[in-house]
C-alpha atoms as a PDB file:
ATOM      1  CA  UNK A   1       0.000   0.000   0.000  1.00  0.00           C
ATOM      2  CA  UNK A   2       2.837   2.363   0.889  1.00  0.00           C
ATOM      3  CA  UNK A   3       4.586   1.440  -2.361  1.00  0.00           C
ATOM      4  CA  UNK A   4       1.463   2.381  -4.401  1.00  0.00           C
ATOM      5  CA  UNK A   5       1.183   5.761  -2.652  1.00  0.00           C
ATOM      6  CA  UNK A   6       4.863   6.461  -3.328  1.00  0.00           C
ATOM      7  CA  UNK A   7       4.442   5.615  -7.027  1.00  0.00           C
ATOM      8  CA  UNK A   8       1.348   7.832  -7.276  1.00  0.00           C
ATOM      9  CA  UNK A   9       3.109  10.738  -5.621  1.00  0.00           C
ATOM     10  CA  UNK A  10       6.064  10.300  -7.934  1.00  0.00           C
ATOM     11  CA  UNK A  11       3.853  10.292 -11.034  1.00  0.00           C
ATOM     12  CA  UNK A  12       1.931  13.319  -9.753  1.00  0.00           C
ATOM     13  CA  UNK A  13       5.203  15.144  -9.145  1.00  0.00           C
ATOM     14  CA  UNK A  14       6.372  14.329 -12.663  1.00  0.00           C
ATOM     15  CA  UNK A  15       3.170  15.736 -14.167  1.00  0.00           C
ATOM     16  CA  UNK A  16       3.400  18.865 -12.012  1.00  0.00           C
ATOM     17  CA  UNK A  17       6.999  19.330 -13.098  1.00  0.00           C
ATOM     18  CA  UNK A  18       6.093  18.893 -16.769  1.00  0.00           C
ATOM     19  CA  UNK A  19       3.191  21.328 -16.320  1.00  0.00           C
ATOM     20  CA  UNK A  20       5.412  23.952 -14.743  1.00  0.00           C
ATOM     21  CA  UNK A  21       8.011  23.575 -17.496  1.00  0.00           C
ATOM     22  CA  UNK A  22       5.324  23.866 -20.168  1.00  0.00           C
ATOM     23  CA  UNK A  23       3.773  26.878 -18.460  1.00  0.00           C
ATOM     24  CA  UNK A  24       7.172  28.492 -18.188  1.00  0.00           C
ATOM     25  CA  UNK A  25       7.784  27.886 -21.894  1.00  0.00           C
ATOM     26  CA  UNK A  26       4.467  29.444 -22.908  1.00  0.00           C
ATOM     27  CA  UNK A  27       4.938  32.402 -20.578  1.00  0.00           C
ATOM     28  CA  UNK A  28       8.404  32.968 -21.960  1.00  0.00           C
ATOM     29  CA  UNK A  29       7.119  32.726 -25.527  1.00  0.00           C
ATOM     30  CA  UNK A  30       4.268  35.115 -24.746  1.00  0.00           C
ATOM     31  CA  UNK A  31       6.694  37.580 -23.164  1.00  0.00           C
ATOM     32  CA  UNK A  32       8.927  37.460 -26.242  1.00  0.00           C
ATOM     33  CA  UNK A  33       5.914  37.960 -28.511  1.00  0.00           C
ATOM     34  CA  UNK A  34       4.715  40.857 -26.356  1.00  0.00           C
ATOM     35  CA  UNK A  35       8.131  42.475 -26.532  1.00  0.00           C
ATOM     36  CA  UNK A  36       8.099  42.068 -30.295  1.00  0.00           C
ATOM     37  CA  UNK A  37       4.767  43.859 -30.467  1.00  0.00           C
ATOM     38  CA  UNK A  38       6.217  46.642 -28.363  1.00  0.00           C
ATOM     39  CA  UNK A  39       8.693  47.438 -31.128  1.00  0.00           C
ATOM     40  CA  UNK A  40       7.315  50.206 -33.283  1.00  0.00           C
ATOM     41  CA  UNK A  41       8.255  53.164 -35.435  1.00  0.00           C
ATOM     42  CA  UNK A  42       6.483  56.530 -35.524  1.00  0.00           C
ATOM     43  CA  UNK A  43       6.507  58.438 -38.815  1.00  0.00           C
ATOM     44  CA  UNK A  44       4.880  61.505 -40.363  1.00  0.00           C
ATOM     45  CA  UNK A  45       3.356  61.840 -43.815  1.00  0.00           C
ATOM     46  CA  UNK A  46       2.833  65.159 -45.604  1.00  0.00           C
ATOM     47  CA  UNK A  47       0.346  66.092 -48.323  1.00  0.00           C
ATOM     48  CA  UNK A  48       0.285  69.510 -49.997  1.00  0.00           C
ATOM     49  CA  UNK A  49      -1.765  71.220 -52.682  1.00  0.00           C
ATOM     50  CA  UNK A  50      -1.623  74.634 -54.336  1.00  0.00           C
ATOM     51  CA  UNK A  51      -5.055  75.717 -55.514  1.00  0.00           C
ATOM     52  CA  UNK A  52      -6.764  78.938 -56.427  1.00  0.00           C
ATOM     53  CA  UNK A  53      -9.084  80.560 -53.899  1.00  0.00           C
ATOM     54  CA  UNK A  54     -12.756  80.346 -54.822  1.00  0.00           C
ATOM     55  CA  UNK A  55     -14.154  83.368 -52.963  1.00  0.00           C
ATOM     56  CA  UNK A  56     -12.878  86.936 -52.798  1.00  0.00           C
ATOM     57  CA  UNK A  57     -14.012  89.628 -50.369  1.00  0.00           C
ATOM     58  CA  UNK A  58     -12.970  93.040 -51.670  1.00  0.00           C
ATOM     59  CA  UNK A  59     -13.810  96.132 -49.589  1.00  0.00           C
ATOM     60  CA  UNK A  60     -13.656  99.323 -51.669  1.00  0.00           C
ATOM     61  CA  UNK A  61     -13.397 102.203 -49.238  1.00  0.00           C
ATOM     62  CA  UNK A  62     -13.699 105.837 -50.297  1.00  0.00           C
ATOM     63  CA  UNK A  63     -13.834 109.182 -48.514  1.00  0.00           C
ATOM     64  CA  UNK A  64     -15.810 112.390 -49.144  1.00  0.00           C
ATOM     65  CA  UNK A  65     -15.784 115.792 -47.462  1.00  0.00           C
ATOM     66  CA  UNK A  66     -18.187 118.721 -47.476  1.00  0.00           C
ATOM     67  CA  UNK A  67     -19.309 121.595 -45.287  1.00  0.00           C
ATOM     68  CA  UNK A  68     -22.951 120.842 -45.977  1.00  0.00           C
ATOM     69  CA  UNK A  69     -24.296 117.634 -44.496  1.00  0.00           C
ATOM     70  CA  UNK A  70     -26.996 117.249 -47.120  1.00  0.00           C
ATOM     71  CA  UNK A  71     -24.463 117.655 -49.911  1.00  0.00           C
ATOM     72  CA  UNK A  72     -22.178 115.185 -48.142  1.00  0.00           C
ATOM     73  CA  UNK A  73     -24.830 112.461 -48.305  1.00  0.00           C
ATOM     74  CA  UNK A  74     -25.456 113.314 -51.956  1.00  0.00           C
ATOM     75  CA  UNK A  75     -21.736 112.899 -52.738  1.00  0.00           C
ATOM     76  CA  UNK A  76     -21.675 109.579 -50.890  1.00  0.00           C
ATOM     77  CA  UNK A  77     -24.573 108.217 -52.936  1.00  0.00           C
ATOM     78  CA  UNK A  78     -23.113 109.453 -56.233  1.00  0.00           C
ATOM     79  CA  UNK A  79     -19.688 107.939 -55.577  1.00  0.00           C
ATOM     80  CA  UNK A  80     -21.164 104.629 -54.461  1.00  0.00           C
ATOM     81  CA  UNK A  81     -23.309 104.503 -57.601  1.00  0.00           C
ATOM     82  CA  UNK A  82     -20.282 105.235 -59.813  1.00  0.00           C
ATOM     83  CA  UNK A  83     -18.362 102.391 -58.205  1.00  0.00           C
ATOM     84  CA  UNK A  84     -21.240  99.918 -58.550  1.00  0.00           C
ATOM     85  CA  UNK A  85     -21.800 100.856 -62.201  1.00  0.00           C
ATOM     86  CA  UNK A  86     -18.076 100.566 -62.943  1.00  0.00           C
ATOM     87  CA  UNK A  87     -17.954  97.085 -61.392  1.00  0.00           C
ATOM     88  CA  UNK A  88     -21.136  95.672 -62.955  1.00  0.00           C
ATOM     89  CA  UNK A  89     -20.008  96.736 -66.435  1.00  0.00           C
ATOM     90  CA  UNK A  90     -16.933  94.540 -65.944  1.00  0.00           C
ATOM     91  CA  UNK A  91     -18.675  91.283 -65.153  1.00  0.00           C
ATOM     92  CA  UNK A  92     -19.545  91.439 -61.449  1.00  0.00           C
ATOM     93  CA  UNK A  93     -23.218  90.976 -60.605  1.00  0.00           C
ATOM     94  CA  UNK A  94     -24.939  93.674 -58.560  1.00  0.00           C
ATOM     95  CA  UNK A  95     -26.072  91.001 -56.088  1.00  0.00           C
ATOM     96  CA  UNK A  96     -22.413  90.406 -55.233  1.00  0.00           C
ATOM     97  CA  UNK A  97     -22.040  93.932 -53.826  1.00  0.00           C
ATOM     98  CA  UNK A  98     -23.133  95.380 -50.494  1.00  0.00           C
ATOM     99  CA  UNK A  99     -23.000  98.876 -49.073  1.00  0.00           C
ATOM    100  CA  UNK A 100     -22.093  99.699 -45.489  1.00  0.00           C
ATOM    101  CA  UNK A 101     -23.490 102.625 -43.509  1.00  0.00           C
ATOM    102  CA  UNK A 102     -21.266 105.694 -43.959  1.00  0.00           C
ATOM    103  CA  UNK A 103     -19.070 106.726 -41.019  1.00  0.00           C
ATOM    104  CA  UNK A 104     -19.454 110.506 -40.719  1.00  0.00           C
ATOM    105  CA  UNK A 105     -17.224 112.778 -38.648  1.00  0.00           C
ATOM    106  CA  UNK A 106     -18.098 116.344 -37.619  1.00  0.00           C
ATOM    107  CA  UNK A 107     -14.769 118.162 -37.361  1.00  0.00           C
ATOM    108  CA  UNK A 108     -16.275 121.108 -35.476  1.00  0.00           C
ATOM    109  CA  UNK A 109     -17.301 118.768 -32.650  1.00  0.00           C
ATOM    110  CA  UNK A 110     -13.735 117.475 -32.312  1.00  0.00           C
ATOM    111  CA  UNK A 111     -11.742 120.692 -32.058  1.00  0.00           C
ATOM    112  CA  UNK A 112     -11.622 120.636 -28.228  1.00  0.00           C
ATOM    113  CA  UNK A 113     -10.412 124.221 -27.861  1.00  0.00           C
ATOM    114  CA  UNK A 114      -8.249 124.154 -30.973  1.00  0.00           C
ATOM    115  CA  UNK A 115      -8.639 127.504 -32.725  1.00  0.00           C
ATOM    116  CA  UNK A 116      -7.737 126.094 -36.137  1.00  0.00           C
ATOM    117  CA  UNK A 117     -10.683 125.682 -38.457  1.00  0.00           C
ATOM    118  CA  UNK A 118     -10.963 122.569 -40.600  1.00  0.00           C
ATOM    119  CA  UNK A 119     -11.305 123.074 -44.358  1.00  0.00           C
ATOM    120  CA  UNK A 120     -14.366 120.818 -44.376  1.00  0.00           C
ATOM    121  CA  UNK A 121     -16.632 120.392 -41.409  1.00  0.00           C
ATOM    122  CA  UNK A 122     -17.933 116.959 -42.394  1.00  0.00           C
ATOM    123  CA  UNK A 123     -15.984 113.935 -43.636  1.00  0.00           C
ATOM    124  CA  UNK A 124     -17.345 110.496 -44.377  1.00  0.00           C
ATOM    125  CA  UNK A 125     -15.994 107.050 -45.207  1.00  0.00           C
ATOM    126  CA  UNK A 126     -18.123 104.606 -47.164  1.00  0.00           C
ATOM    127  CA  UNK A 127     -17.367 100.986 -48.112  1.00  0.00           C
ATOM    128  CA  UNK A 128     -18.666  99.032 -51.078  1.00  0.00           C
ATOM    129  CA  UNK A 129     -17.891  95.353 -50.480  1.00  0.00           C
ATOM    130  CA  UNK A 130     -17.636  92.842 -53.306  1.00  0.00           C
ATOM    131  CA  UNK A 131     -18.212  89.201 -52.352  1.00  0.00           C
ATOM    132  CA  UNK A 132     -17.656  87.114 -55.452  1.00  0.00           C
ATOM    133  CA  UNK A 133     -16.472  83.761 -56.796  1.00  0.00           C
ATOM    134  CA  UNK A 134     -15.175  85.443 -59.950  1.00  0.00           C
ATOM    135  CA  UNK A 135     -11.580  85.779 -58.755  1.00  0.00           C
ATOM    136  CA  UNK A 136      -9.962  86.792 -62.049  1.00  0.00           C
ATOM    137  CA  UNK A 137     -12.513  89.509 -62.822  1.00  0.00           C
ATOM    138  CA  UNK A 138     -12.044  91.039 -59.385  1.00  0.00           C
ATOM    139  CA  UNK A 139      -8.259  91.010 -59.725  1.00  0.00           C
ATOM    140  CA  UNK A 140      -8.520  92.802 -63.064  1.00  0.00           C
ATOM    141  CA  UNK A 141     -10.915  95.335 -61.547  1.00  0.00           C
ATOM    142  CA  UNK A 142      -8.485  96.098 -58.753  1.00  0.00           C
ATOM    143  CA  UNK A 143      -5.908  97.159 -61.305  1.00  0.00           C
ATOM    144  CA  UNK A 144      -8.431  99.282 -63.220  1.00  0.00           C
ATOM    145  CA  UNK A 145      -9.886 101.114 -60.208  1.00  0.00           C
ATOM    146  CA  UNK A 146      -7.602 104.090 -60.838  1.00  0.00           C
ATOM    147  CA  UNK A 147      -9.959 105.066 -63.666  1.00  0.00           C
ATOM    148  CA  UNK A 148     -12.512 106.037 -61.021  1.00  0.00           C
ATOM    149  CA  UNK A 149      -9.859 108.030 -59.196  1.00  0.00           C
ATOM    150  CA  UNK A 150      -9.606 110.229 -62.260  1.00  0.00           C
ATOM    151  CA  UNK A 151     -13.299 111.018 -61.796  1.00  0.00           C
ATOM    152  CA  UNK A 152     -12.635 112.528 -58.369  1.00  0.00           C
ATOM    153  CA  UNK A 153     -13.294 109.560 -56.094  1.00  0.00           C
ATOM    154  CA  UNK A 154     -10.828 109.432 -53.219  1.00  0.00           C
ATOM    155  CA  UNK A 155     -10.072 105.837 -52.265  1.00  0.00           C
ATOM    156  CA  UNK A 156      -8.642 104.989 -48.869  1.00  0.00           C
ATOM    157  CA  UNK A 157      -6.675 101.875 -48.045  1.00  0.00           C
ATOM    158  CA  UNK A 158      -3.798 100.417 -46.127  1.00  0.00           C
ATOM    159  CA  UNK A 159      -5.819  99.510 -43.045  1.00  0.00           C
ATOM    160  CA  UNK A 160      -7.119  96.127 -41.942  1.00  0.00           C
ATOM    161  CA  UNK A 161     -10.742  96.926 -42.798  1.00  0.00           C
ATOM    162  CA  UNK A 162      -9.900  97.577 -46.462  1.00  0.00           C
ATOM    163  CA  UNK A 163      -7.748  94.463 -46.939  1.00  0.00           C
ATOM    164  CA  UNK A 164      -8.845  92.062 -49.672  1.00  0.00           C
ATOM    165  CA  UNK A 165      -9.457  88.497 -48.478  1.00  0.00           C
ATOM    166  CA  UNK A 166      -9.230  85.356 -50.562  1.00  0.00           C
ATOM    167  CA  UNK A 167     -10.952  82.260 -49.211  1.00  0.00           C
ATOM    168  CA  UNK A 168     -10.713  78.575 -50.073  1.00  0.00           C
ATOM    169  CA  UNK A 169     -14.001  76.832 -49.269  1.00  0.00           C
ATOM    170  CA  UNK A 170     -13.597  73.463 -51.050  1.00  0.00           C
ATOM    171  CA  UNK A 171     -11.589  71.751 -48.322  1.00  0.00           C
ATOM    172  CA  UNK A 172     -14.100  68.916 -47.854  1.00  0.00           C
ATOM    173  CA  UNK A 173     -13.749  68.048 -51.553  1.00  0.00           C
ATOM    174  CA  UNK A 174     -10.003  67.405 -51.324  1.00  0.00           C
ATOM    175  CA  UNK A 175      -9.729  66.071 -47.761  1.00  0.00           C
ATOM    176  CA  UNK A 176     -10.056  62.332 -48.559  1.00  0.00           C
ATOM    177  CA  UNK A 177      -7.382  62.377 -51.283  1.00  0.00           C
ATOM    178  CA  UNK A 178      -4.977  64.421 -49.175  1.00  0.00           C
ATOM    179  CA  UNK A 179      -5.377  62.171 -46.135  1.00  0.00           C
ATOM    180  CA  UNK A 180      -4.788  59.137 -48.347  1.00  0.00           C
ATOM    181  CA  UNK A 181      -1.650  60.725 -49.788  1.00  0.00           C
ATOM    182  CA  UNK A 182      -0.306  61.689 -46.348  1.00  0.00           C
ATOM    183  CA  UNK A 183      -0.929  58.148 -45.073  1.00  0.00           C
ATOM    184  CA  UNK A 184       0.762  56.642 -48.111  1.00  0.00           C
ATOM    185  CA  UNK A 185       3.800  58.897 -47.675  1.00  0.00           C
ATOM    186  CA  UNK A 186       4.035  57.956 -43.997  1.00  0.00           C
ATOM    187  CA  UNK A 187       3.968  54.243 -44.857  1.00  0.00           C
ATOM    188  CA  UNK A 188       6.742  54.707 -47.432  1.00  0.00           C
ATOM    189  CA  UNK A 189       8.917  56.291 -44.756  1.00  0.00           C
ATOM    190  CA  UNK A 190       8.091  53.480 -42.308  1.00  0.00           C
ATOM    191  CA  UNK A 191       8.888  50.807 -44.909  1.00  0.00           C
ATOM    192  CA  UNK A 192      12.271  52.414 -45.582  1.00  0.00           C
ATOM    193  CA  UNK A 193      13.010  52.466 -41.851  1.00  0.00           C
ATOM    194  CA  UNK A 194      12.002  48.800 -41.498  1.00  0.00           C
ATOM    195  CA  UNK A 195      14.210  47.827 -44.444  1.00  0.00           C
ATOM    196  CA  UNK A 196      17.214  49.678 -43.035  1.00  0.00           C
ATOM    197  CA  UNK A 197      16.747  48.000 -39.635  1.00  0.00           C
ATOM    198  CA  UNK A 198      16.217  44.477 -41.061  1.00  0.00           C
ATOM    199  CA  UNK A 199      12.653  44.437 -39.712  1.00  0.00           C
ATOM    200  CA  UNK A 200       9.226  43.703 -41.076  1.00  0.00           C
ATOM    201  CA  UNK A 201       6.586  46.417 -41.033  1.00  0.00           C
ATOM    202  CA  UNK A 202       3.427  45.370 -39.227  1.00  0.00           C
ATOM    203  CA  UNK A 203      -0.001  46.848 -38.727  1.00  0.00           C
ATOM    204  CA  UNK A 204      -0.761  50.373 -37.589  1.00  0.00           C
ATOM    205  CA  UNK A 205      -0.453  50.707 -33.831  1.00  0.00           C
ATOM    206  CA  UNK A 206      -1.986  54.167 -33.661  1.00  0.00           C
ATOM    207  CA  UNK A 207      -2.623  57.070 -36.006  1.00  0.00           C
ATOM    208  CA  UNK A 208      -3.532  60.721 -35.724  1.00  0.00           C
ATOM    209  CA  UNK A 209      -4.565  63.096 -38.464  1.00  0.00           C
ATOM    210  CA  UNK A 210      -3.101  66.559 -38.143  1.00  0.00           C
ATOM    211  CA  UNK A 211      -5.102  69.707 -38.736  1.00  0.00           C
ATOM    212  CA  UNK A 212      -5.418  71.080 -42.237  1.00  0.00           C
ATOM    213  CA  UNK A 213      -3.783  74.457 -42.741  1.00  0.00           C
ATOM    214  CA  UNK A 214      -4.605  76.962 -45.493  1.00  0.00           C
ATOM    215  CA  UNK A 215      -2.266  79.871 -46.205  1.00  0.00           C
ATOM    216  CA  UNK A 216      -1.389  82.186 -49.050  1.00  0.00           C
ATOM    217  CA  UNK A 217       1.436  80.955 -51.237  1.00  0.00           C
ATOM    218  CA  UNK A 218       3.181  84.339 -50.867  1.00  0.00           C
ATOM    219  CA  UNK A 219       2.379  88.008 -50.307  1.00  0.00           C
ATOM    220  CA  UNK A 220       2.229  88.732 -54.032  1.00  0.00           C
ATOM    221  CA  UNK A 221      -0.217  85.920 -54.775  1.00  0.00           C
ATOM    222  CA  UNK A 222      -2.741  85.789 -51.924  1.00  0.00           C
ATOM    223  CA  UNK A 223      -5.318  84.276 -54.283  1.00  0.00           C
ATOM    224  CA  UNK A 224      -3.236  81.095 -54.571  1.00  0.00           C
ATOM    225  CA  UNK A 225      -3.650  78.963 -51.467  1.00  0.00           C
ATOM    226  CA  UNK A 226      -1.309  76.331 -50.085  1.00  0.00           C
ATOM    227  CA  UNK A 227      -3.231  73.555 -48.326  1.00  0.00           C
ATOM    228  CA  UNK A 228      -1.285  71.036 -46.251  1.00  0.00           C
ATOM    229  CA  UNK A 229      -1.872  68.276 -43.733  1.00  0.00           C
ATOM    230  CA  UNK A 230       0.556  66.141 -41.717  1.00  0.00           C
ATOM    231  CA  UNK A 231      -0.560  62.699 -40.516  1.00  0.00           C
ATOM    232  CA  UNK A 232       1.303  60.856 -37.747  1.00  0.00           C
ATOM    233  CA  UNK A 233       1.276  57.050 -37.785  1.00  0.00           C
ATOM    234  CA  UNK A 234       2.949  54.423 -35.601  1.00  0.00           C
ATOM    235  CA  UNK A 235       3.586  50.943 -37.003  1.00  0.00           C
ATOM    236  CA  UNK A 236       4.525  47.681 -35.296  1.00  0.00           C
ATOM    237  CA  UNK A 237       7.892  46.188 -36.218  1.00  0.00           C
ATOM    238  CA  UNK A 238       8.872  42.517 -36.157  1.00  0.00           C
ATOM    239  CA  UNK A 239      11.957  40.492 -37.093  1.00  0.00           C
END
């Protein structure tokens, strides 16, 4: 009876030993596999486009002066009408123009004890704003606006309010292709890294799409927009 118990204990011990060895092997293998999955490379992919803006906002600001307030308003209306007529004759629809309320200054109310008398009591600034998708026509008009200056219209400029803006509104149309290109470029970089390190490129571990940025190509060509996006991807590496 004692002999049978001894044999049973011995056999049980052998199985326990084999089980522990097997468990150790699998744990070791799993640890190695886990470490392999921890190897990764992080890369960035860039996509760029240069495209023309599709909307232009062009504020045309002019100034008038008069000692008679009624005549001042008359001059404002006449100048605004000249500008609108000049623009519509050159391909811009009247619906693409808007007129702001004139900003009128009474010089006599701003003397504050100054004995000097202003040449004109009233001055006014008026803005005709063109909002159009016809970029080329507007650019040509900007060069031809001096013709109105010869008719006595005094244009003001150089400030932020009179700055022409060019907008690109078709971003959603080009987003998918640009993201695909940025991702493809990132993978090419990762594949080159894997080749140089004698590794195999695995699946994507994580990815993040950068924000799209839209800027003018340069100060002389604000109507040409540079659109770019940078995607960041991390790939698994294996031997």
